Amino acid sequence: MADARVVVLCYAHLMIQQQFLAKQATLSTARLRLEPLSEQHFAGIFAALQNPETNRLTGTHATFTPEVVKDFLTALPSRDDRADWAIIRQSDNVFLGEVVLNDLDTNNQSMNFRIALAHPAFFGQGYGTQATRAVIDYGLDMVQLHRISLGVFAFNPRAQRVYEKCGFVQEGIERHALLWDGQWVDQIIMSILASDARGQP
């Protein structure tokens, strides 16, 4: 009987996760609107991929053609294993970046988190913090995840402070996880659990 209950609970979680990932909501904060990422955001996404500092902070070595980016964005609405949002400033509808829950592990009720602001001009204004809090709440409360994890490179202490404010806890370090401009960079692994205290606005 115990095994049967586990199977039923796992199936129920799977249904909830797929429901809220396949039909993800638009999220709102004091200054932001997080709307499901799609091909209508191509210009903002493609421009962000050309920004050297954004690529450095995300450890992005690859280059992407317009066709590859368009195909990826076009396929997103049919995915039920991830949720991607465009970060839009409510005051003027400017595209600020993207925020993502991906790498769904249904058996262990966990996902990975990542966020990328499109340009350094948007750094340090609280946008990342608001977007992170909104998506963490959605993942833990609506998708009913148990754990959300992330990796942040050691040369990005600003982002690490944001994650800590939002309730993420450092778990360990992946040494020399990234080779960037001839230098090896460690990656800090962090997570937040459904039972953890979340940072206050």
C-alpha atoms as a PDB file:
ATOM      1  CA  MET A   1       0.000   0.000   0.000  1.00  0.00           C
ATOM      2  CA  ALA A   2       2.826   2.390   0.812  1.00  0.00           C
ATOM      3  CA  ASP A   3       4.335   1.905  -2.634  1.00  0.00           C
ATOM      4  CA  ALA A   4       0.953   2.521  -4.255  1.00  0.00           C
ATOM      5  CA  ARG A   5       0.542   5.813  -2.369  1.00  0.00           C
ATOM      6  CA  VAL A   6       3.992   6.920  -3.513  1.00  0.00           C
ATOM      7  CA  VAL A   7       3.085   6.176  -7.124  1.00  0.00           C
ATOM      8  CA  VAL A   8      -0.191   8.115  -6.809  1.00  0.00           C
ATOM      9  CA  LEU A   9       1.564  11.099  -5.226  1.00  0.00           C
ATOM     10  CA  CYS A  10       4.281  11.101  -7.881  1.00  0.00           C
ATOM     11  CA  TYR A  11       1.655  10.974 -10.625  1.00  0.00           C
ATOM     12  CA  ALA A  12      -0.279  13.820  -9.019  1.00  0.00           C
ATOM     13  CA  HIS A  13       2.861  15.950  -8.827  1.00  0.00           C
ATOM     14  CA  LEU A  14       3.651  15.165 -12.458  1.00  0.00           C
ATOM     15  CA  MET A  15       0.193  16.320 -13.539  1.00  0.00           C
ATOM     16  CA  ILE A  16       0.489  19.540 -11.533  1.00  0.00           C
ATOM     17  CA  GLN A  17       3.977  20.233 -12.883  1.00  0.00           C
ATOM     18  CA  GLN A  18       2.996  19.682 -16.492  1.00  0.00           C
ATOM     19  CA  GLN A  19      -0.140  21.785 -16.062  1.00  0.00           C
ATOM     20  CA  PHE A  20       1.690  24.835 -14.739  1.00  0.00           C
ATOM     21  CA  LEU A  21       4.686  24.474 -17.055  1.00  0.00           C
ATOM     22  CA  ALA A  22       2.700  23.873 -20.248  1.00  0.00           C
ATOM     23  CA  LYS A  23       0.349  26.764 -19.513  1.00  0.00           C
ATOM     24  CA  GLN A  24       2.581  29.041 -17.515  1.00  0.00           C
ATOM     25  CA  ALA A  25       1.063  32.209 -16.152  1.00  0.00           C
ATOM     26  CA  THR A  26       2.107  35.772 -16.747  1.00  0.00           C
ATOM     27  CA  LEU A  27       3.600  37.011 -13.482  1.00  0.00           C
ATOM     28  CA  SER A  28       3.596  40.574 -12.182  1.00  0.00           C
ATOM     29  CA  THR A  29       5.761  42.430  -9.686  1.00  0.00           C
ATOM     30  CA  ALA A  30       5.865  46.074  -8.640  1.00  0.00           C
ATOM     31  CA  ARG A  31       7.794  47.065 -11.783  1.00  0.00           C
ATOM     32  CA  LEU A  32       7.871  44.008 -14.021  1.00  0.00           C
ATOM     33  CA  ARG A  33       5.673  41.793 -16.134  1.00  0.00           C
ATOM     34  CA  LEU A  34       6.988  38.292 -16.746  1.00  0.00           C
ATOM     35  CA  GLU A  35       5.244  36.971 -19.835  1.00  0.00           C
ATOM     36  CA  PRO A  36       5.777  33.573 -21.472  1.00  0.00           C
ATOM     37  CA  LEU A  37       8.759  33.797 -23.792  1.00  0.00           C
ATOM     38  CA  SER A  38       7.918  33.316 -27.462  1.00  0.00           C
ATOM     39  CA  GLU A  39       8.993  34.296 -30.947  1.00  0.00           C
ATOM     40  CA  GLN A  40       7.572  37.784 -30.406  1.00  0.00           C
ATOM     41  CA  HIS A  41      10.590  38.385 -28.137  1.00  0.00           C
ATOM     42  CA  PHE A  42      13.105  37.390 -30.828  1.00  0.00           C
ATOM     43  CA  ALA A  43      14.648  40.854 -31.229  1.00  0.00           C
ATOM     44  CA  GLY A  44      15.358  41.219 -27.508  1.00  0.00           C
ATOM     45  CA  ILE A  45      16.693  37.696 -27.085  1.00  0.00           C
ATOM     46  CA  PHE A  46      18.911  37.844 -30.159  1.00  0.00           C
ATOM     47  CA  ALA A  47      20.335  41.229 -29.144  1.00  0.00           C
ATOM     48  CA  ALA A  48      21.107  39.881 -25.655  1.00  0.00           C
ATOM     49  CA  LEU A  49      23.007  36.963 -27.188  1.00  0.00           C
ATOM     50  CA  GLN A  50      25.297  39.467 -28.911  1.00  0.00           C
ATOM     51  CA  ASN A  51      26.193  41.237 -25.656  1.00  0.00           C
ATOM     52  CA  PRO A  52      29.703  40.243 -24.474  1.00  0.00           C
ATOM     53  CA  GLU A  53      29.045  40.909 -20.778  1.00  0.00           C
ATOM     54  CA  THR A  54      25.800  38.954 -20.717  1.00  0.00           C
ATOM     55  CA  ASN A  55      27.590  36.050 -22.406  1.00  0.00           C
ATOM     56  CA  ARG A  56      30.447  36.210 -19.902  1.00  0.00           C
ATOM     57  CA  LEU A  57      28.144  36.168 -16.878  1.00  0.00           C
ATOM     58  CA  THR A  58      26.186  33.220 -18.253  1.00  0.00           C
ATOM     59  CA  GLY A  59      29.304  31.402 -19.492  1.00  0.00           C
ATOM     60  CA  THR A  60      27.936  31.301 -23.030  1.00  0.00           C
ATOM     61  CA  HIS A  61      30.641  30.276 -25.499  1.00  0.00           C
ATOM     62  CA  ALA A  62      28.297  29.341 -28.329  1.00  0.00           C
ATOM     63  CA  THR A  63      27.113  31.634 -31.082  1.00  0.00           C
ATOM     64  CA  PHE A  64      23.549  31.332 -32.371  1.00  0.00           C
ATOM     65  CA  THR A  65      22.119  32.050 -35.788  1.00  0.00           C
ATOM     66  CA  PRO A  66      18.803  33.896 -36.102  1.00  0.00           C
ATOM     67  CA  GLU A  67      17.230  30.689 -37.431  1.00  0.00           C
ATOM     68  CA  VAL A  68      18.297  28.646 -34.394  1.00  0.00           C
ATOM     69  CA  VAL A  69      16.955  31.262 -31.987  1.00  0.00           C
ATOM     70  CA  LYS A  70      13.651  31.579 -33.853  1.00  0.00           C
ATOM     71  CA  ASP A  71      13.184  27.800 -33.922  1.00  0.00           C
ATOM     72  CA  PHE A  72      13.839  27.583 -30.184  1.00  0.00           C
ATOM     73  CA  LEU A  73      11.376  30.364 -29.364  1.00  0.00           C
ATOM     74  CA  THR A  74       8.722  28.936 -31.674  1.00  0.00           C
ATOM     75  CA  ALA A  75       8.891  25.554 -29.923  1.00  0.00           C
ATOM     76  CA  LEU A  76       8.621  26.911 -26.371  1.00  0.00           C
ATOM     77  CA  PRO A  77       4.812  27.124 -26.087  1.00  0.00           C
ATOM     78  CA  SER A  78       4.541  23.359 -26.659  1.00  0.00           C
ATOM     79  CA  ARG A  79       7.010  22.450 -23.899  1.00  0.00           C
ATOM     80  CA  ASP A  80       5.736  21.039 -20.596  1.00  0.00           C
ATOM     81  CA  ASP A  81       9.168  20.390 -19.069  1.00  0.00           C
ATOM     82  CA  ARG A  82      10.296  24.008 -18.630  1.00  0.00           C
ATOM     83  CA  ALA A  83       9.008  27.561 -18.239  1.00  0.00           C
ATOM     84  CA  ASP A  84      10.630  30.580 -19.904  1.00  0.00           C
ATOM     85  CA  TRP A  85       9.580  34.167 -19.279  1.00  0.00           C
ATOM     86  CA  ALA A  86      10.476  37.451 -20.923  1.00  0.00           C
ATOM     87  CA  ILE A  87      11.187  40.153 -18.339  1.00  0.00           C
ATOM     88  CA  ILE A  88       9.293  43.278 -19.398  1.00  0.00           C
ATOM     89  CA  ARG A  89       9.428  46.648 -17.631  1.00  0.00           C
ATOM     90  CA  GLN A  90       5.848  47.660 -16.997  1.00  0.00           C
ATOM     91  CA  SER A  91       6.404  51.408 -17.289  1.00  0.00           C
ATOM     92  CA  ASP A  92       7.529  51.329 -20.939  1.00  0.00           C
ATOM     93  CA  ASN A  93       7.333  47.674 -22.106  1.00  0.00           C
ATOM     94  CA  VAL A  94      11.107  47.474 -22.577  1.00  0.00           C
ATOM     95  CA  PHE A  95      12.510  43.917 -22.819  1.00  0.00           C
ATOM     96  CA  LEU A  96      14.970  43.484 -19.940  1.00  0.00           C
ATOM     97  CA  GLY A  97      15.960  39.829 -20.274  1.00  0.00           C
ATOM     98  CA  GLU A  98      14.752  36.304 -19.604  1.00  0.00           C
ATOM     99  CA  VAL A  99      14.187  34.103 -16.568  1.00  0.00           C
ATOM    100  CA  VAL A 100      13.831  30.332 -16.768  1.00  0.00           C
ATOM    101  CA  LEU A 101      12.933  27.175 -14.892  1.00  0.00           C
ATOM    102  CA  ASN A 102      14.349  24.186 -16.794  1.00  0.00           C
ATOM    103  CA  ASP A 103      15.814  20.684 -16.357  1.00  0.00           C
ATOM    104  CA  LEU A 104      12.631  19.279 -14.810  1.00  0.00           C
ATOM    105  CA  ASP A 105      13.251  16.175 -12.694  1.00  0.00           C
ATOM    106  CA  THR A 106       9.754  14.855 -12.057  1.00  0.00           C
ATOM    107  CA  ASN A 107      10.882  12.011  -9.793  1.00  0.00           C
ATOM    108  CA  ASN A 108      12.643  14.387  -7.431  1.00  0.00           C
ATOM    109  CA  GLN A 109      10.359  17.421  -7.901  1.00  0.00           C
ATOM    110  CA  SER A 110      13.221  19.704  -8.807  1.00  0.00           C
ATOM    111  CA  MET A 111      14.208  22.176 -11.492  1.00  0.00           C
ATOM    112  CA  ASN A 112      17.078  24.471 -12.385  1.00  0.00           C
ATOM    113  CA  PHE A 113      16.817  28.268 -12.327  1.00  0.00           C
ATOM    114  CA  ARG A 114      18.599  30.791 -14.478  1.00  0.00           C
ATOM    115  CA  ILE A 115      18.205  34.456 -15.304  1.00  0.00           C
ATOM    116  CA  ALA A 116      19.942  36.725 -17.787  1.00  0.00           C
ATOM    117  CA  LEU A 117      19.442  40.470 -18.058  1.00  0.00           C
ATOM    118  CA  ALA A 118      19.897  41.610 -21.629  1.00  0.00           C
ATOM    119  CA  HIS A 119      22.302  44.502 -21.040  1.00  0.00           C
ATOM    120  CA  PRO A 120      24.550  45.809 -18.230  1.00  0.00           C
ATOM    121  CA  ALA A 121      22.476  49.014 -18.224  1.00  0.00           C
ATOM    122  CA  PHE A 122      19.761  46.989 -16.474  1.00  0.00           C
ATOM    123  CA  PHE A 123      22.050  45.712 -13.700  1.00  0.00           C
ATOM    124  CA  GLY A 124      21.812  46.965 -10.130  1.00  0.00           C
ATOM    125  CA  GLN A 125      18.251  48.278 -10.356  1.00  0.00           C
ATOM    126  CA  GLY A 126      16.439  45.466  -8.569  1.00  0.00           C
ATOM    127  CA  TYR A 127      14.981  43.890 -11.707  1.00  0.00           C
ATOM    128  CA  GLY A 128      16.801  40.602 -11.184  1.00  0.00           C
ATOM    129  CA  THR A 129      15.659  40.374  -7.576  1.00  0.00           C
ATOM    130  CA  GLN A 130      11.994  40.974  -8.432  1.00  0.00           C
ATOM    131  CA  ALA A 131      12.037  38.500 -11.309  1.00  0.00           C
ATOM    132  CA  THR A 132      13.821  35.857  -9.252  1.00  0.00           C
ATOM    133  CA  ARG A 133      11.368  36.103  -6.364  1.00  0.00           C
ATOM    134  CA  ALA A 134       8.367  35.874  -8.678  1.00  0.00           C
ATOM    135  CA  VAL A 135       9.637  32.758 -10.444  1.00  0.00           C
ATOM    136  CA  ILE A 136      10.765  31.039  -7.232  1.00  0.00           C
ATOM    137  CA  ASP A 137       7.307  31.587  -5.742  1.00  0.00           C
ATOM    138  CA  TYR A 138       5.715  30.203  -8.903  1.00  0.00           C
ATOM    139  CA  GLY A 139       7.976  27.158  -8.936  1.00  0.00           C
ATOM    140  CA  LEU A 140       7.589  26.257  -5.276  1.00  0.00           C
ATOM    141  CA  ASP A 141       3.930  27.212  -4.803  1.00  0.00           C
ATOM    142  CA  MET A 142       2.244  26.563  -8.149  1.00  0.00           C
ATOM    143  CA  VAL A 143       4.436  23.927  -9.799  1.00  0.00           C
ATOM    144  CA  GLN A 144       4.896  22.416  -6.311  1.00  0.00           C
ATOM    145  CA  LEU A 145       8.604  21.791  -6.710  1.00  0.00           C
ATOM    146  CA  HIS A 146      10.566  20.648  -3.687  1.00  0.00           C
ATOM    147  CA  ARG A 147      13.916  22.029  -4.822  1.00  0.00           C
ATOM    148  CA  ILE A 148      15.177  24.701  -7.213  1.00  0.00           C
ATOM    149  CA  SER A 149      18.894  24.892  -7.885  1.00  0.00           C
ATOM    150  CA  LEU A 150      21.240  27.156  -9.804  1.00  0.00           C
ATOM    151  CA  GLY A 151      24.868  27.749 -10.626  1.00  0.00           C
ATOM    152  CA  VAL A 152      26.554  31.165 -10.513  1.00  0.00           C
ATOM    153  CA  PHE A 153      30.132  31.825 -11.565  1.00  0.00           C
ATOM    154  CA  ALA A 154      32.588  33.125  -8.985  1.00  0.00           C
ATOM    155  CA  PHE A 155      33.208  36.327 -10.960  1.00  0.00           C
ATOM    156  CA  ASN A 156      29.561  37.321 -10.422  1.00  0.00           C
ATOM    157  CA  PRO A 157      29.203  38.129  -6.703  1.00  0.00           C
ATOM    158  CA  ARG A 158      26.435  40.627  -7.486  1.00  0.00           C
ATOM    159  CA  ALA A 159      24.177  37.817  -8.705  1.00  0.00           C
ATOM    160  CA  GLN A 160      25.134  35.629  -5.753  1.00  0.00           C
ATOM    161  CA  ARG A 161      23.959  38.358  -3.360  1.00  0.00           C
ATOM    162  CA  VAL A 162      20.642  38.579  -5.212  1.00  0.00           C
ATOM    163  CA  TYR A 163      20.127  34.831  -4.910  1.00  0.00           C
ATOM    164  CA  GLU A 164      20.952  34.905  -1.204  1.00  0.00           C
ATOM    165  CA  LYS A 165      18.417  37.707  -0.664  1.00  0.00           C
ATOM    166  CA  CYS A 166      15.815  35.522  -2.364  1.00  0.00           C
ATOM    167  CA  GLY A 167      16.505  32.569  -0.044  1.00  0.00           C
ATOM    168  CA  PHE A 168      19.031  30.472  -1.970  1.00  0.00           C
ATOM    169  CA  VAL A 169      21.653  28.670   0.121  1.00  0.00           C
ATOM    170  CA  GLN A 170      25.147  27.836  -1.074  1.00  0.00           C
ATOM    171  CA  GLU A 171      25.723  24.079  -1.302  1.00  0.00           C
ATOM    172  CA  GLY A 172      29.192  23.786  -2.754  1.00  0.00           C
ATOM    173  CA  ILE A 173      31.620  24.762  -5.469  1.00  0.00           C
ATOM    174  CA  GLU A 174      32.354  23.176  -8.819  1.00  0.00           C
ATOM    175  CA  ARG A 175      36.025  23.968  -9.265  1.00  0.00           C
ATOM    176  CA  HIS A 176      37.177  25.200 -12.665  1.00  0.00           C
ATOM    177  CA  ALA A 177      33.743  24.734 -14.203  1.00  0.00           C
ATOM    178  CA  LEU A 178      34.282  27.409 -16.865  1.00  0.00           C
ATOM    179  CA  LEU A 179      37.246  28.389 -19.017  1.00  0.00           C
ATOM    180  CA  TRP A 180      36.830  32.045 -19.929  1.00  0.00           C
ATOM    181  CA  ASP A 181      39.458  34.176 -21.642  1.00  0.00           C
ATOM    182  CA  GLY A 182      42.140  31.686 -20.664  1.00  0.00           C
ATOM    183  CA  GLN A 183      41.176  31.685 -16.971  1.00  0.00           C
ATOM    184  CA  TRP A 184      39.499  28.864 -15.054  1.00  0.00           C
ATOM    185  CA  VAL A 185      36.442  29.997 -13.079  1.00  0.00           C
ATOM    186  CA  ASP A 186      34.664  28.170 -10.254  1.00  0.00           C
ATOM    187  CA  GLN A 187      30.878  27.775 -10.236  1.00  0.00           C
ATOM    188  CA  ILE A 188      28.967  28.202  -6.971  1.00  0.00           C
ATOM    189  CA  ILE A 189      26.035  25.808  -6.569  1.00  0.00           C
ATOM    190  CA  MET A 190      23.005  27.109  -4.681  1.00  0.00           C
ATOM    191  CA  SER A 191      19.483  25.884  -3.992  1.00  0.00           C
ATOM    192  CA  ILE A 192      16.237  26.714  -2.276  1.00  0.00           C
ATOM    193  CA  LEU A 193      13.816  24.137  -0.869  1.00  0.00           C
ATOM    194  CA  ALA A 194      10.074  24.446  -0.419  1.00  0.00           C
ATOM    195  CA  SER A 195      10.668  24.275   3.333  1.00  0.00           C
ATOM    196  CA  ASP A 196      13.274  27.067   3.353  1.00  0.00           C
ATOM    197  CA  ALA A 197      12.569  30.620   4.442  1.00  0.00           C
ATOM    198  CA  ARG A 198      12.352  32.916   1.442  1.00  0.00           C
ATOM    199  CA  GLY A 199      13.865  36.344   1.287  1.00  0.00           C
ATOM    200  CA  GLN A 200      11.558  39.239   2.094  1.00  0.00           C
ATOM    201  CA  PRO A 201      10.803  41.969  -0.458  1.00  0.00           C
END
